[in-house]
Amino acid sequence: MREGMLADIQKKYEETLKNDVIPFWLKYSPDRKYGGYFTCLDRDGSVYGTDKQMWMQARAVWMFSRLYNEFEKKAEYLDFVRVGYEFIRKYGFDSDGRMFFLVTRDGKPLRKRRYLYTENFGVIAFSEYYRATGDEEALSKAIDLYKLIIKYYRTPGLLEPKIIPETRKLKTLAMPMILIATSLEMMNVDSDPLYGEVIDDSVYQIKNHFTKYELKVVLENVGPHGEVYDIPDCRYINPGHSIEASWFLMKVALLKDDNNLLKVALDILDWSLESGWDRKYGGIYYFVDIKGKPLQQLEWDMKLWWPHTEAMYATLLAYCVTKDKKYLSWFDKINSWSFSHFPDPEFGEWFGYLHRDGSVSLKCKGAIWKGPFHLPRFLLFSIQEIERMKAHRVTL
């Protein structure tokens, strides 16, 4: 990467965010009849499914609230946000306080999952909406929902387990990860020491249970105390997930001035990049078996958009923190591959699902798992990171 590319990258990312990604979702996603957002959008933005995933509703509210708060104070962002906020408030919650996962276009409940991910995104949606509007009801809802999450998380048996625990107990990396992210968000709006306690516990679990230095991996599933079982469910890693975890840990390390945690975060990033990068075709694998054995996930070798956005931000952040040129090299490699494969120059936004060789597998721009979150978050956070680097006279 040549000297002085900092301004070029920032300009490219700002143009992509302002002129491509944001306009696509503003134009095609809002449901002006029933409220909420369509996220099952085809290549040209046309709607191919009207059921609404509540966690995608919440992610969109968080994202556009954050854009309003920290990128541009545009009224159209707030208008977009209110469409989703009111829909979640009216139709997102069951009588027990938990959230539905999937509802019909007009808000009738369809599915409720045994996980707490939708609730976590609900928390950050309400907290960021509060930052944007000053709506005290939204803050109160965020606090109450956060406490409900912790109650369910810490009380065995409240949620139906995926696997019969009398036979085998497993826990997943996703929960301590998302609790770190959610708690960091809540610390922006509330001073309850509970957030710090949850972060400390989640960091402990990731460091001591999921991170395996002898294997140089962060596993997706382990036993209750970090036990490693030689079964497919416990042998695979998701490089994009591990990379996302690494920058979550970097954020905590910087907040706490914890150099030991920073080293762990950087080690995780290094391992995940090395194991996840496809040396033949480029790009990051979706799943990898740590022993090279067959994977149960048939999509294991596909290239999805979000591991690449996470990797670009993580390597940029790592370079900003360490000034180590290897992270700049990784950033350049991933940035070049991503921007030459995912963007759609004809209809805008990014394709989300590519074959191993980088050719497009699915032409849709939105789906049950893809909405306005990973791509705009990466662009916004990277722009902000570059601003910090410029302020500290760090060059690329």
Foldseek 3Di string as FASTA:
>chain_A
DDWPCLVVLLVVLVCQLPVFQVVLQLPQFADPPQFFTQFFAFLQSDGPFQKDFLLQLLQLLLLLLCCCLPPNVDVSSVVNNVSSVVLCVVQQADPVGAGAGIAGNNRHGDGRDLDRSSLLSLLSSLLSNCVNPVPVVSLVSSVVSLVVNVVVVPDPPPGDDPDDVVVAAKDFLVVLQSLLVSLVSNVVPDDPCVSVVSNVVSLCCQVQAQQDPVLLEGWGMAGPRNHADPDQNGQKDFLLVLLLSLVSQVVVCVVVVPVVSNVVSVSSLVSSCVQQFDPPQGAGFGMAGSVRDDHPDPRRLKHFLQSLLSLLLSLLVVCLVPVDCVSVVSNVRSVVLNVVQFFDPPNGAGQTIGGNNRHGDGRGRGDSPHGPHRSSVSSVSSSVSSVVCVVVVHID
